[in-house]
N, C-alpha and C. Protein backbone atom coordinates (compact mmCIF):
# COMPACT_ATOMS: atom_id res chain seq x y z
N LEU A 1 40.66 -50.80 -39.11
CA LEU A 1 41.48 -49.83 -39.45
C LEU A 1 41.06 -48.45 -38.49
N SER A 2 39.98 -48.75 -37.62
CA SER A 2 39.58 -47.83 -36.55
C SER A 2 40.43 -48.18 -35.39
N SER A 3 40.90 -46.92 -34.93
CA SER A 3 41.53 -47.22 -33.55
C SER A 3 40.73 -47.98 -32.43
N ARG A 4 41.60 -48.59 -31.61
CA ARG A 4 40.89 -49.69 -30.71
C ARG A 4 41.24 -49.08 -29.25
N ASP A 5 40.30 -49.17 -28.32
CA ASP A 5 40.62 -49.11 -26.84
C ASP A 5 41.57 -50.37 -26.34
N ASP A 6 41.86 -50.16 -25.06
CA ASP A 6 42.74 -51.18 -24.47
C ASP A 6 42.37 -52.54 -24.31
N LYS A 7 40.97 -52.82 -24.81
CA LYS A 7 40.21 -54.05 -24.91
C LYS A 7 40.13 -54.55 -26.06
N GLY A 8 40.56 -53.98 -27.26
CA GLY A 8 40.32 -54.40 -28.60
C GLY A 8 38.88 -53.85 -29.42
N ASN A 9 38.11 -53.01 -28.67
CA ASN A 9 37.14 -52.34 -29.06
C ASN A 9 36.95 -51.20 -29.97
N ALA A 10 36.60 -51.13 -31.30
CA ALA A 10 36.66 -50.12 -31.92
C ALA A 10 35.23 -49.40 -32.05
N VAL A 11 35.23 -48.61 -31.59
CA VAL A 11 33.96 -47.67 -31.18
C VAL A 11 33.59 -46.25 -32.10
N LYS A 12 32.25 -46.26 -32.65
CA LYS A 12 31.92 -45.11 -33.30
C LYS A 12 30.69 -44.46 -32.92
N GLY A 13 30.58 -43.48 -31.96
CA GLY A 13 29.41 -43.04 -31.26
C GLY A 13 29.52 -43.01 -29.81
N GLU A 14 28.30 -43.00 -29.04
CA GLU A 14 28.42 -43.11 -27.82
C GLU A 14 27.89 -44.49 -27.22
N THR A 15 29.03 -44.97 -26.69
CA THR A 15 28.84 -46.12 -25.94
C THR A 15 29.11 -46.16 -24.74
N LEU A 16 28.58 -47.04 -23.76
CA LEU A 16 28.76 -47.83 -22.28
C LEU A 16 29.24 -49.01 -22.70
N LEU A 17 30.70 -49.61 -22.43
CA LEU A 17 30.96 -50.78 -22.53
C LEU A 17 31.59 -51.50 -20.93
N HIS A 18 30.92 -52.81 -20.77
CA HIS A 18 31.11 -53.29 -19.50
C HIS A 18 31.70 -54.82 -19.92
N ASP A 19 32.73 -55.23 -19.52
CA ASP A 19 33.32 -56.54 -19.86
C ASP A 19 32.98 -56.73 -21.49
N THR A 20 33.13 -56.06 -22.05
CA THR A 20 33.21 -56.12 -23.55
C THR A 20 34.53 -55.84 -24.13
N HIS A 21 34.96 -56.90 -25.17
CA HIS A 21 35.98 -56.98 -25.79
C HIS A 21 36.10 -57.43 -27.32
N ASP A 22 37.23 -56.81 -27.87
CA ASP A 22 37.40 -57.13 -29.41
C ASP A 22 35.80 -57.10 -30.15
N CYS A 23 35.25 -56.15 -30.28
CA CYS A 23 34.06 -55.45 -30.66
C CYS A 23 34.21 -54.21 -31.72
N TYR A 24 33.41 -54.21 -32.75
CA TYR A 24 33.25 -53.17 -33.26
C TYR A 24 31.75 -52.80 -33.28
N ILE A 25 31.84 -51.33 -32.95
CA ILE A 25 30.62 -51.03 -32.61
C ILE A 25 30.38 -49.48 -33.62
N ASP A 26 29.55 -49.46 -34.35
CA ASP A 26 29.33 -48.14 -34.98
C ASP A 26 27.78 -47.62 -34.71
N SER A 27 27.53 -46.86 -33.90
CA SER A 27 26.22 -46.28 -33.58
C SER A 27 26.22 -45.02 -33.08
N PRO A 28 26.17 -44.22 -34.25
CA PRO A 28 26.44 -42.74 -34.18
C PRO A 28 25.27 -41.85 -33.55
N LYS A 29 24.08 -42.37 -33.55
CA LYS A 29 22.64 -41.71 -33.58
C LYS A 29 22.13 -42.08 -32.20
N ARG A 30 22.52 -43.05 -31.59
CA ARG A 30 21.95 -43.18 -30.22
C ARG A 30 22.97 -43.88 -29.49
N LEU A 31 23.11 -44.10 -28.17
CA LEU A 31 23.89 -44.80 -27.01
C LEU A 31 23.79 -46.03 -27.13
N THR A 32 24.59 -46.92 -27.24
CA THR A 32 24.61 -48.40 -27.46
C THR A 32 25.60 -48.69 -26.17
N ALA A 33 24.79 -49.56 -25.42
CA ALA A 33 25.67 -50.18 -24.27
C ALA A 33 25.62 -51.73 -24.45
N CYS A 34 26.81 -52.12 -24.00
CA CYS A 34 27.17 -53.46 -24.25
C CYS A 34 27.79 -54.15 -23.06
N VAL A 35 26.94 -55.39 -22.57
CA VAL A 35 27.54 -55.92 -21.36
C VAL A 35 27.94 -57.32 -21.92
N GLY A 36 29.33 -57.81 -21.33
CA GLY A 36 29.79 -59.30 -21.64
C GLY A 36 29.58 -59.71 -22.98
N LEU A 37 30.19 -58.80 -23.66
CA LEU A 37 30.23 -59.23 -25.23
C LEU A 37 31.51 -59.32 -25.51
N SER A 38 31.70 -60.14 -26.69
CA SER A 38 33.23 -60.43 -27.48
C SER A 38 33.24 -60.61 -28.73
N ASN A 39 34.01 -60.13 -29.73
CA ASN A 39 34.20 -60.75 -31.14
C ASN A 39 32.93 -60.52 -31.78
N LEU A 40 31.96 -59.41 -31.54
CA LEU A 40 30.86 -59.11 -32.50
C LEU A 40 31.13 -57.72 -33.23
N ILE A 41 30.22 -57.65 -34.22
CA ILE A 41 29.97 -56.67 -35.04
C ILE A 41 28.59 -55.95 -34.47
N ILE A 42 28.62 -54.57 -34.10
CA ILE A 42 27.22 -54.24 -34.23
C ILE A 42 27.45 -52.88 -34.87
N VAL A 43 26.38 -52.76 -36.04
CA VAL A 43 26.11 -51.59 -36.83
C VAL A 43 24.65 -50.91 -36.70
N ASP A 44 24.53 -50.05 -36.03
CA ASP A 44 23.25 -49.05 -35.94
C ASP A 44 23.03 -48.10 -37.15
N THR A 45 22.06 -48.17 -37.98
CA THR A 45 21.48 -47.15 -38.96
C THR A 45 20.44 -46.93 -38.73
N GLU A 46 19.89 -45.68 -39.35
CA GLU A 46 18.42 -45.57 -39.73
C GLU A 46 17.78 -46.68 -40.19
N ASP A 47 18.23 -47.37 -41.20
CA ASP A 47 17.36 -48.60 -41.76
C ASP A 47 17.59 -49.68 -41.11
N ALA A 48 18.47 -50.21 -40.44
CA ALA A 48 18.54 -51.30 -39.67
C ALA A 48 19.45 -51.74 -38.70
N LEU A 49 19.49 -52.51 -38.12
CA LEU A 49 20.70 -52.93 -36.72
C LEU A 49 21.18 -54.23 -37.16
N LEU A 50 22.54 -54.14 -37.29
CA LEU A 50 23.17 -55.62 -37.56
C LEU A 50 24.02 -55.80 -36.21
N VAL A 51 23.87 -57.04 -35.80
CA VAL A 51 24.57 -57.82 -34.66
C VAL A 51 25.03 -59.01 -35.43
N ALA A 52 26.65 -59.18 -35.28
CA ALA A 52 27.02 -60.25 -36.15
C ALA A 52 28.23 -60.80 -35.40
N ASP A 53 28.43 -62.08 -35.30
CA ASP A 53 30.18 -62.85 -34.91
C ASP A 53 31.10 -61.96 -35.97
N LYS A 54 32.14 -61.65 -35.68
CA LYS A 54 33.14 -61.17 -36.46
C LYS A 54 33.41 -62.62 -37.34
N SER A 55 33.84 -63.58 -36.80
CA SER A 55 33.96 -64.52 -37.58
C SER A 55 33.05 -65.03 -39.00
N ARG A 56 31.83 -64.47 -38.69
CA ARG A 56 30.82 -65.06 -39.73
C ARG A 56 30.71 -63.88 -40.41
N SER A 57 31.31 -62.51 -40.41
CA SER A 57 30.72 -61.43 -41.18
C SER A 57 30.70 -61.39 -42.55
N GLN A 58 31.29 -62.54 -43.08
CA GLN A 58 31.00 -62.58 -44.81
C GLN A 58 29.52 -63.10 -44.84
N GLU A 59 28.94 -63.87 -44.11
CA GLU A 59 27.53 -64.32 -44.43
C GLU A 59 26.44 -63.26 -44.11
N VAL A 60 26.93 -62.31 -44.10
CA VAL A 60 26.09 -60.95 -43.91
C VAL A 60 25.21 -61.09 -45.42
N LYS A 61 25.94 -61.31 -46.59
CA LYS A 61 25.48 -61.38 -47.81
C LYS A 61 24.22 -62.42 -48.05
N ASN A 62 24.24 -63.43 -46.96
CA ASN A 62 22.97 -63.94 -46.96
C ASN A 62 21.75 -63.45 -46.52
N ILE A 63 21.97 -62.28 -45.54
CA ILE A 63 20.89 -61.49 -45.14
C ILE A 63 20.14 -60.65 -46.45
N TYR A 64 21.31 -60.21 -47.13
CA TYR A 64 20.99 -59.47 -48.07
C TYR A 64 19.99 -60.26 -49.32
N GLU A 65 20.39 -61.30 -49.45
CA GLU A 65 19.88 -62.56 -50.27
C GLU A 65 18.50 -62.73 -50.05
N THR A 66 18.59 -62.75 -48.75
CA THR A 66 17.01 -63.09 -48.22
C THR A 66 16.18 -61.81 -48.24
N LEU A 67 16.45 -60.64 -48.19
CA LEU A 67 16.02 -59.53 -48.32
C LEU A 67 15.54 -59.46 -49.54
N LYS A 68 16.19 -59.84 -50.57
CA LYS A 68 16.22 -59.48 -52.11
C LYS A 68 15.10 -60.41 -52.31
N HIS A 69 15.32 -61.71 -51.85
CA HIS A 69 14.09 -62.66 -52.24
C HIS A 69 12.80 -62.50 -51.70
N GLN A 70 12.81 -61.94 -50.77
CA GLN A 70 11.40 -61.35 -49.91
C GLN A 70 10.87 -60.20 -50.72
N GLY A 71 11.53 -59.57 -51.48
CA GLY A 71 11.24 -58.41 -52.09
C GLY A 71 11.01 -57.02 -51.28
N HIS A 72 12.00 -57.17 -50.06
CA HIS A 72 12.00 -56.45 -49.03
C HIS A 72 12.91 -54.98 -49.70
N GLU A 73 12.27 -53.89 -49.52
CA GLU A 73 12.89 -52.79 -50.06
C GLU A 73 14.50 -52.22 -49.33
N ALA A 74 14.71 -52.93 -48.21
CA ALA A 74 15.95 -52.69 -47.88
C ALA A 74 17.19 -53.01 -48.50
N TYR A 75 16.62 -54.09 -49.34
CA TYR A 75 18.03 -54.63 -50.10
C TYR A 75 18.49 -53.64 -51.15
N LYS A 76 17.58 -52.86 -51.56
CA LYS A 76 17.71 -52.04 -52.77
C LYS A 76 18.01 -50.56 -52.56
N LEU A 77 17.07 -50.01 -51.35
CA LEU A 77 16.91 -48.70 -51.25
C LEU A 77 17.31 -48.40 -49.64
N HIS A 78 18.06 -47.53 -49.62
CA HIS A 78 18.75 -47.06 -48.48
C HIS A 78 17.61 -46.01 -48.00
N ARG A 79 17.37 -45.77 -46.56
CA ARG A 79 16.40 -44.67 -46.35
C ARG A 79 16.94 -43.13 -46.53
N THR A 80 18.25 -43.25 -46.29
CA THR A 80 18.63 -41.85 -46.34
C THR A 80 19.14 -41.62 -47.86
N VAL A 81 18.86 -40.79 -48.75
CA VAL A 81 19.14 -40.71 -50.14
C VAL A 81 19.88 -39.18 -49.97
N LEU A 82 21.05 -39.29 -50.41
CA LEU A 82 21.81 -37.92 -50.65
C LEU A 82 22.03 -37.68 -52.15
N ARG A 83 21.46 -36.37 -52.52
CA ARG A 83 21.39 -35.75 -53.75
C ARG A 83 22.73 -34.60 -53.73
C-alpha cells in the first residue's frame, strides 16, 4: 500500500539505496543503507530488527513462536507502551 520508487522500493525513514529493488524498508529512527538487495522486508524498531525475504513473510510467525517457547519477553511485551 506504500508508494514505491522507480525501482519498486517502499521506504519509511531515511535511507540510502544502491542497486536495491523491490524492498520494503521501515526504519524511522535511524539511517538505513542497503546495497545490492532485492525482494526483502526490513523493519527496524526499538524492540528488534527484522530482515526477511518477501516470499517468506508468513514465516515470521515462526520467530514469534520460538520467542514464546523460549519465554522471551519480546513475544508478549512491546518496549514502547502508549497509555
